[in-house]
C-alpha atoms as a PDB file:
ATOM      1  CA  MET A   1     -23.626   7.636  11.870  1.00  0.00           C
ATOM      2  CA  LYS A   2     -25.556   8.467   8.615  1.00  0.00           C
ATOM      3  CA  LEU A   3     -24.287   8.962   5.294  1.00  0.00           C
ATOM      4  CA  ASN A   4     -26.168  10.404   2.321  1.00  0.00           C
ATOM      5  CA  ILE A   5     -26.139   8.175  -0.821  1.00  0.00           C
ATOM      6  CA  VAL A   6     -26.051   9.975  -4.060  1.00  0.00           C
ATOM      7  CA  ASN A   7     -26.294   8.997  -7.859  1.00  0.00           C
ATOM      8  CA  GLY A   8     -23.920   9.687 -10.702  1.00  0.00           C
ATOM      9  CA  ASN A   9     -25.266  13.256 -10.840  1.00  0.00           C
ATOM     10  CA  ASN A  10     -24.295  13.994  -7.168  1.00  0.00           C
ATOM     11  CA  GLU A  11     -28.016  13.826  -6.321  1.00  0.00           C
ATOM     12  CA  THR A  12     -29.185  12.468  -2.956  1.00  0.00           C
ATOM     13  CA  VAL A  13     -31.143   9.386  -3.274  1.00  0.00           C
ATOM     14  CA  GLY A  14     -31.203   7.759   0.106  1.00  0.00           C
ATOM     15  CA  ALA A  15     -29.144   7.107   3.148  1.00  0.00           C
ATOM     16  CA  LEU A  16     -26.896   4.587   4.768  1.00  0.00           C
ATOM     17  CA  GLU A  17     -26.771   4.068   8.447  1.00  0.00           C
ATOM     18  CA  LEU A  18     -23.092   2.998   9.661  1.00  0.00           C
ATOM     19  CA  ASN A  19     -22.398   1.049  12.952  1.00  0.00           C
ATOM     20  CA  GLU A  20     -20.790   3.323  15.477  1.00  0.00           C
ATOM     21  CA  GLN A  21     -19.034   0.340  17.164  1.00  0.00           C
ATOM     22  CA  VAL A  22     -17.271  -0.264  13.779  1.00  0.00           C
ATOM     23  CA  PHE A  23     -16.443   3.267  12.562  1.00  0.00           C
ATOM     24  CA  GLY A  24     -16.726   5.341  15.741  1.00  0.00           C
ATOM     25  CA  GLY A  25     -14.615   5.828  18.808  1.00  0.00           C
ATOM     26  CA  ARG A  26     -10.720   6.577  18.855  1.00  0.00           C
ATOM     27  CA  VAL A  27      -8.718   6.264  15.468  1.00  0.00           C
ATOM     28  CA  LYS A  28      -5.954   3.789  16.339  1.00  0.00           C
ATOM     29  CA  THR A  29      -3.240   5.497  14.266  1.00  0.00           C
ATOM     30  CA  ASP A  30      -0.658   2.974  15.460  1.00  0.00           C
ATOM     31  CA  LEU A  31      -2.456  -0.019  13.662  1.00  0.00           C
ATOM     32  CA  ILE A  32      -2.555   2.241  10.346  1.00  0.00           C
ATOM     33  CA  TRP A  33       1.207   2.964  10.816  1.00  0.00           C
ATOM     34  CA  GLU A  34       1.976  -0.939  11.271  1.00  0.00           C
ATOM     35  CA  ALA A  35      -0.179  -1.979   8.289  1.00  0.00           C
ATOM     36  CA  VAL A  36       1.460   0.559   6.044  1.00  0.00           C
ATOM     37  CA  VAL A  37       5.005  -0.366   7.102  1.00  0.00           C
ATOM     38  CA  GLN A  38       4.091  -4.257   6.542  1.00  0.00           C
ATOM     39  CA  GLN A  39       2.802  -3.405   2.930  1.00  0.00           C
ATOM     40  CA  ASN A  40       5.627  -1.376   1.927  1.00  0.00           C
ATOM     41  CA  ALA A  41       8.175  -3.900   3.359  1.00  0.00           C
ATOM     42  CA  ALA A  42       6.305  -6.396   1.435  1.00  0.00           C
ATOM     43  CA  GLU A  43       6.774  -4.619  -1.858  1.00  0.00           C
ATOM     44  CA  ARG A  44      10.919  -4.025  -1.360  1.00  0.00           C
ATOM     45  CA  ARG A  45      12.874  -5.736  -3.967  1.00  0.00           C
ATOM     46  CA  GLY A  46      15.690  -6.532  -1.632  1.00  0.00           C
ATOM     47  CA  THR A  47      18.148  -6.994  -4.529  1.00  0.00           C
ATOM     48  CA  HIS A  48      21.022  -5.179  -2.851  1.00  0.00           C
ATOM     49  CA  ALA A  49      24.233  -7.273  -2.611  1.00  0.00           C
ATOM     50  CA  THR A  50      28.023  -6.464  -1.894  1.00  0.00           C
ATOM     51  CA  LYS A  51      30.973  -8.622  -2.566  1.00  0.00           C
ATOM     52  CA  ASN A  52      32.585 -10.334   0.204  1.00  0.00           C
ATOM     53  CA  ARG A  53      35.985 -11.556   0.297  1.00  0.00           C
ATOM     54  CA  ALA A  54      35.033 -14.892  -1.555  1.00  0.00           C
ATOM     55  CA  ALA A  55      33.387 -12.950  -4.463  1.00  0.00           C
ATOM     56  CA  VAL A  56      36.040 -10.127  -5.415  1.00  0.00           C
ATOM     57  CA  SER A  57      38.463 -10.881  -7.721  1.00  0.00           C
ATOM     58  CA  GLY A  58      42.089 -11.597  -7.005  1.00  0.00           C
ATOM     59  CA  SER A  59      44.434 -14.370  -6.100  1.00  0.00           C
ATOM     60  CA  GLY A  60      44.091 -16.590  -2.919  1.00  0.00           C
ATOM     61  CA  LYS A  61      47.789 -17.024  -2.646  1.00  0.00           C
ATOM     62  CA  LYS A  62      49.532 -15.834   0.480  1.00  0.00           C
ATOM     63  CA  PRO A  63      51.385 -12.610  -0.682  1.00  0.00           C
ATOM     64  CA  TRP A  64      54.656 -13.300   1.482  1.00  0.00           C
ATOM     65  CA  ARG A  65      55.630 -15.871   4.226  1.00  0.00           C
ATOM     66  CA  GLN A  66      54.004 -15.400   7.615  1.00  0.00           C
ATOM     67  CA  LYS A  67      57.265 -14.613   9.623  1.00  0.00           C
ATOM     68  CA  GLY A  68      60.541 -13.027   9.096  1.00  0.00           C
ATOM     69  CA  THR A  69      59.807 -10.226   6.484  1.00  0.00           C
ATOM     70  CA  GLY A  70      58.911  -7.642   9.306  1.00  0.00           C
ATOM     71  CA  ARG A  71      55.836  -6.874   7.606  1.00  0.00           C
ATOM     72  CA  ALA A  72      52.121  -7.538   8.885  1.00  0.00           C
ATOM     73  CA  ARG A  73      50.898 -11.059   8.466  1.00  0.00           C
ATOM     74  CA  VAL A  74      48.180 -11.338   5.683  1.00  0.00           C
ATOM     75  CA  GLY A  75      46.682 -14.449   3.953  1.00  0.00           C
ATOM     76  CA  GLU A  76      45.477 -12.946   0.884  1.00  0.00           C
ATOM     77  CA  ILE A  77      44.951  -9.659  -1.193  1.00  0.00           C
ATOM     78  CA  ARG A  78      41.131 -10.241  -0.971  1.00  0.00           C
ATOM     79  CA  ASN A  79      41.614  -9.200   2.670  1.00  0.00           C
ATOM     80  CA  PRO A  80      38.828  -6.782   3.653  1.00  0.00           C
ATOM     81  CA  LEU A  81      41.348  -4.482   5.307  1.00  0.00           C
ATOM     82  CA  TRP A  82      43.114  -3.923   1.932  1.00  0.00           C
ATOM     83  CA  ARG A  83      41.877  -1.640  -0.914  1.00  0.00           C
ATOM     84  CA  LYS A  84      39.619  -3.296  -3.333  1.00  0.00           C
ATOM     85  CA  GLY A  85      39.271  -6.320  -0.731  1.00  0.00           C
ATOM     86  CA  GLY A  86      35.876  -7.739   0.154  1.00  0.00           C
ATOM     87  CA  THR A  87      33.207  -5.994   2.177  1.00  0.00           C
ATOM     88  CA  VAL A  88      32.588  -7.393   5.770  1.00  0.00           C
ATOM     89  CA  PHE A  89      28.886  -8.081   6.654  1.00  0.00           C
ATOM     90  CA  GLY A  90      27.476  -5.982   3.692  1.00  0.00           C
ATOM     91  CA  PRO A  91      23.918  -6.124   2.562  1.00  0.00           C
ATOM     92  CA  GLN A  92      22.898  -9.177   0.719  1.00  0.00           C
ATOM     93  CA  PRO A  93      19.770 -10.058  -1.328  1.00  0.00           C
ATOM     94  CA  ARG A  94      16.711 -10.733   1.195  1.00  0.00           C
ATOM     95  CA  SER A  95      13.129 -10.307   1.549  1.00  0.00           C
ATOM     96  CA  TYR A  96      11.560  -7.650   3.979  1.00  0.00           C
ATOM     97  CA  GLU A  97       8.323  -9.054   4.048  1.00  0.00           C
ATOM     98  CA  PHE A  98       6.939 -10.135   7.419  1.00  0.00           C
ATOM     99  CA  ASP A  99       3.558 -11.532   8.597  1.00  0.00           C
ATOM    100  CA  MET A 100       0.788  -9.600  10.525  1.00  0.00           C
ATOM    101  CA  PRO A 101      -2.308 -11.133  12.297  1.00  0.00           C
ATOM    102  CA  LYS A 102      -5.738 -10.691  10.295  1.00  0.00           C
ATOM    103  CA  LYS A 103      -6.998  -8.889  13.219  1.00  0.00           C
ATOM    104  CA  VAL A 104      -4.419  -6.112  12.913  1.00  0.00           C
ATOM    105  CA  HIS A 105      -5.057  -5.794   9.083  1.00  0.00           C
ATOM    106  CA  ARG A 106      -8.662  -5.383   9.627  1.00  0.00           C
ATOM    107  CA  GLY A 107      -8.189  -3.176  12.641  1.00  0.00           C
ATOM    108  CA  ALA A 108      -6.089  -1.009  10.490  1.00  0.00           C
ATOM    109  CA  LEU A 109      -8.568  -0.694   7.779  1.00  0.00           C
ATOM    110  CA  ARG A 110     -11.295   0.082  10.346  1.00  0.00           C
ATOM    111  CA  ALA A 111      -9.269   2.842  11.715  1.00  0.00           C
ATOM    112  CA  ALA A 112      -8.191   4.186   8.170  1.00  0.00           C
ATOM    113  CA  LEU A 113     -12.073   4.438   7.212  1.00  0.00           C
ATOM    114  CA  ALA A 114     -13.030   5.786  10.458  1.00  0.00           C
ATOM    115  CA  GLN A 115     -10.377   8.689   9.976  1.00  0.00           C
ATOM    116  CA  LYS A 116     -11.710   9.345   6.330  1.00  0.00           C
ATOM    117  CA  LEU A 117     -15.252   9.390   7.616  1.00  0.00           C
ATOM    118  CA  SER A 118     -14.547  11.756  10.434  1.00  0.00           C
ATOM    119  CA  ASP A 119     -12.782  14.011   7.902  1.00  0.00           C
ATOM    120  CA  GLY A 120     -15.819  14.043   5.558  1.00  0.00           C
ATOM    121  CA  ALA A 121     -13.794  12.520   2.860  1.00  0.00           C
ATOM    122  CA  VAL A 122     -16.025   9.542   2.027  1.00  0.00           C
ATOM    123  CA  ILE A 123     -18.717   9.801  -0.611  1.00  0.00           C
ATOM    124  CA  VAL A 124     -21.328   6.839  -0.998  1.00  0.00           C
ATOM    125  CA  VAL A 125     -22.762   6.286  -4.449  1.00  0.00           C
ATOM    126  CA  ASP A 126     -25.712   3.975  -5.394  1.00  0.00           C
ATOM    127  CA  ARG A 127     -23.621   2.350  -8.092  1.00  0.00           C
ATOM    128  CA  LEU A 128     -20.649   3.110 -10.399  1.00  0.00           C
ATOM    129  CA  ALA A 129     -21.137   2.468 -14.130  1.00  0.00           C
ATOM    130  CA  SER A 130     -20.284   3.741 -17.355  1.00  0.00           C
ATOM    131  CA  SER A 131     -22.240   3.351 -20.677  1.00  0.00           C
ATOM    132  CA  ASP A 132     -19.035   2.620 -22.517  1.00  0.00           C
ATOM    133  CA  ALA A 133     -15.376   2.580 -21.721  1.00  0.00           C
ATOM    134  CA  LYS A 134     -14.724   6.164 -22.215  1.00  0.00           C
ATOM    135  CA  THR A 135     -12.074   7.969 -20.019  1.00  0.00           C
ATOM    136  CA  LYS A 136     -13.556  11.322 -20.674  1.00  0.00           C
ATOM    137  CA  GLU A 137     -17.089  10.121 -19.420  1.00  0.00           C
ATOM    138  CA  THR A 138     -15.778   8.486 -16.319  1.00  0.00           C
ATOM    139  CA  ALA A 139     -13.702  11.517 -15.463  1.00  0.00           C
ATOM    140  CA  ALA A 140     -16.681  13.834 -15.748  1.00  0.00           C
ATOM    141  CA  LEU A 141     -18.592  11.509 -13.363  1.00  0.00           C
ATOM    142  CA  LEU A 142     -15.810  11.404 -10.703  1.00  0.00           C
ATOM    143  CA  LYS A 143     -15.693  15.233 -11.072  1.00  0.00           C
ATOM    144  CA  ARG A 144     -19.245  15.701 -10.438  1.00  0.00           C
ATOM    145  CA  LEU A 145     -18.844  13.535  -7.370  1.00  0.00           C
ATOM    146  CA  GLY A 146     -16.208  15.842  -6.013  1.00  0.00           C
ATOM    147  CA  ALA A 147     -13.364  13.776  -6.581  1.00  0.00           C
ATOM    148  CA  THR A 148     -10.192  15.876  -6.294  1.00  0.00           C
ATOM    149  CA  GLY A 149      -6.506  14.747  -6.124  1.00  0.00           C
ATOM    150  CA  LYS A 150      -5.760  11.300  -5.223  1.00  0.00           C
ATOM    151  CA  THR A 151      -9.221   9.516  -5.352  1.00  0.00           C
ATOM    152  CA  LEU A 152      -9.707   5.966  -3.972  1.00  0.00           C
ATOM    153  CA  VAL A 153     -12.827   4.201  -5.707  1.00  0.00           C
ATOM    154  CA  ILE A 154     -14.128   1.070  -4.038  1.00  0.00           C
ATOM    155  CA  ASP A 155     -16.719  -1.367  -5.421  1.00  0.00           C
ATOM    156  CA  VAL A 156     -17.676  -5.098  -4.751  1.00  0.00           C
ATOM    157  CA  LYS A 157     -17.094  -6.029  -8.289  1.00  0.00           C
ATOM    158  CA  PRO A 158     -16.147  -3.052 -10.659  1.00  0.00           C
ATOM    159  CA  GLU A 159     -17.687  -3.348 -13.964  1.00  0.00           C
ATOM    160  CA  GLN A 160     -15.237  -4.071 -16.637  1.00  0.00           C
ATOM    161  CA  SER A 161     -16.233  -0.783 -18.803  1.00  0.00           C
ATOM    162  CA  PHE A 162     -15.805   1.351 -15.815  1.00  0.00           C
ATOM    163  CA  THR A 163     -12.566  -0.247 -14.812  1.00  0.00           C
ATOM    164  CA  LYS A 164     -11.012   0.232 -18.467  1.00  0.00           C
ATOM    165  CA  SER A 165     -11.966   4.024 -18.331  1.00  0.00           C
ATOM    166  CA  ALA A 166     -10.837   4.855 -14.719  1.00  0.00           C
ATOM    167  CA  ARG A 167      -7.530   3.122 -14.866  1.00  0.00           C
ATOM    168  CA  ASN A 168      -6.477   5.886 -17.266  1.00  0.00           C
ATOM    169  CA  ILE A 169      -7.259   8.902 -14.972  1.00  0.00           C
ATOM    170  CA  ALA A 170      -4.320  10.158 -13.024  1.00  0.00           C
ATOM    171  CA  GLY A 171      -4.734   9.950  -9.159  1.00  0.00           C
ATOM    172  CA  VAL A 172      -7.598   7.493  -9.393  1.00  0.00           C
ATOM    173  CA  LYS A 173      -7.337   4.080  -7.926  1.00  0.00           C
ATOM    174  CA  LEU A 174      -9.823   1.375  -8.403  1.00  0.00           C
ATOM    175  CA  VAL A 175      -9.834  -1.425  -5.762  1.00  0.00           C
ATOM    176  CA  PRO A 176     -12.469  -4.180  -5.120  1.00  0.00           C
ATOM    177  CA  SER A 177     -13.807  -4.178  -1.435  1.00  0.00           C
ATOM    178  CA  ALA A 178     -12.131  -7.518  -0.741  1.00  0.00           C
ATOM    179  CA  ALA A 179      -8.775  -6.226  -1.566  1.00  0.00           C
ATOM    180  CA  VAL A 180      -8.551  -2.747  -0.205  1.00  0.00           C
ATOM    181  CA  THR A 181      -6.030  -2.016   2.360  1.00  0.00           C
ATOM    182  CA  ALA A 182      -5.424   0.792   5.055  1.00  0.00           C
ATOM    183  CA  ARG A 183      -2.683   2.203   2.933  1.00  0.00           C
ATOM    184  CA  ASP A 184      -5.039   2.548  -0.079  1.00  0.00           C
ATOM    185  CA  VAL A 185      -7.594   4.467   2.162  1.00  0.00           C
ATOM    186  CA  ILE A 186      -5.082   6.818   4.012  1.00  0.00           C
ATOM    187  CA  ASP A 187      -2.970   7.790   0.905  1.00  0.00           C
ATOM    188  CA  THR A 188      -6.007   9.380  -0.571  1.00  0.00           C
ATOM    189  CA  THR A 189      -7.825  12.599  -0.617  1.00  0.00           C
ATOM    190  CA  LYS A 190     -11.354  11.263  -1.277  1.00  0.00           C
ATOM    191  CA  VAL A 191     -12.853   7.901  -0.894  1.00  0.00           C
ATOM    192  CA  ILE A 192     -15.723   7.103  -3.333  1.00  0.00           C
ATOM    193  CA  ALA A 193     -17.397   3.871  -2.341  1.00  0.00           C
ATOM    194  CA  THR A 194     -20.613   2.016  -3.525  1.00  0.00           C
ATOM    195  CA  ARG A 195     -23.349   1.329  -1.003  1.00  0.00           C
ATOM    196  CA  GLU A 196     -22.820  -2.428  -1.616  1.00  0.00           C
ATOM    197  CA  ALA A 197     -19.130  -2.081  -0.920  1.00  0.00           C
ATOM    198  CA  LEU A 198     -19.259  -0.174   2.183  1.00  0.00           C
ATOM    199  CA  GLU A 199     -21.984  -2.574   3.627  1.00  0.00           C
ATOM    200  CA  LYS A 200     -19.817  -5.471   2.731  1.00  0.00           C
ATOM    201  CA  LEU A 201     -16.546  -3.836   4.755  1.00  0.00           C
ATOM    202  CA  GLN A 202     -18.870  -2.958   7.640  1.00  0.00           C
ATOM    203  CA  GLU A 203     -20.069  -6.604   7.832  1.00  0.00           C
ATOM    204  CA  VAL A 204     -16.489  -8.030   7.515  1.00  0.00           C
ATOM    205  CA  LEU A 205     -14.706  -5.162   9.766  1.00  0.00           C
ATOM    206  CA  GLY A 206     -17.559  -5.650  12.479  1.00  0.00           C
ATOM    207  CA  SER A 207     -17.131  -9.481  12.762  1.00  0.00           C
END
């Protein structure tokens, strides 16, 4: 698998050979799904809470004696069966985070990149840089590269000036190659990666 390498003016300046054993073959969508669910679950706040019979306001006194009144027995007015009583087995604050093996994470990222490569949505550039931290200049650069809609920009170590200017552009997400996830890749229209970043990813995902 060979991809053209372009410069900031979208002119071809070389080619990058990708390993078919890493990015070829069947795309394992089940791994992508599992990785996206795991990342979404880890970001859930989990602050939901309901009041049980110990937390609702009200007396703990027994309303009437147990026998002899002809009425149903009851221990307190905070009884869950009564109006304004406590909630039984209601949601409580919790963490939805769960662990996933590193191999599954890598397999999901490999599958997500393979899907984008097969769709022709990956653009490889020699380097990403901005002369000064100007959003207008960076937006023009991304437009020349064909960035439309949601765009994921991957670099090994993004330059500070480029990062400052790109973070103000709607729909553009800049992520270091060491921190990119399958959700980042699959939730974009275009993926713009530097040659060095793609080579790093191929090295890690192929190991």
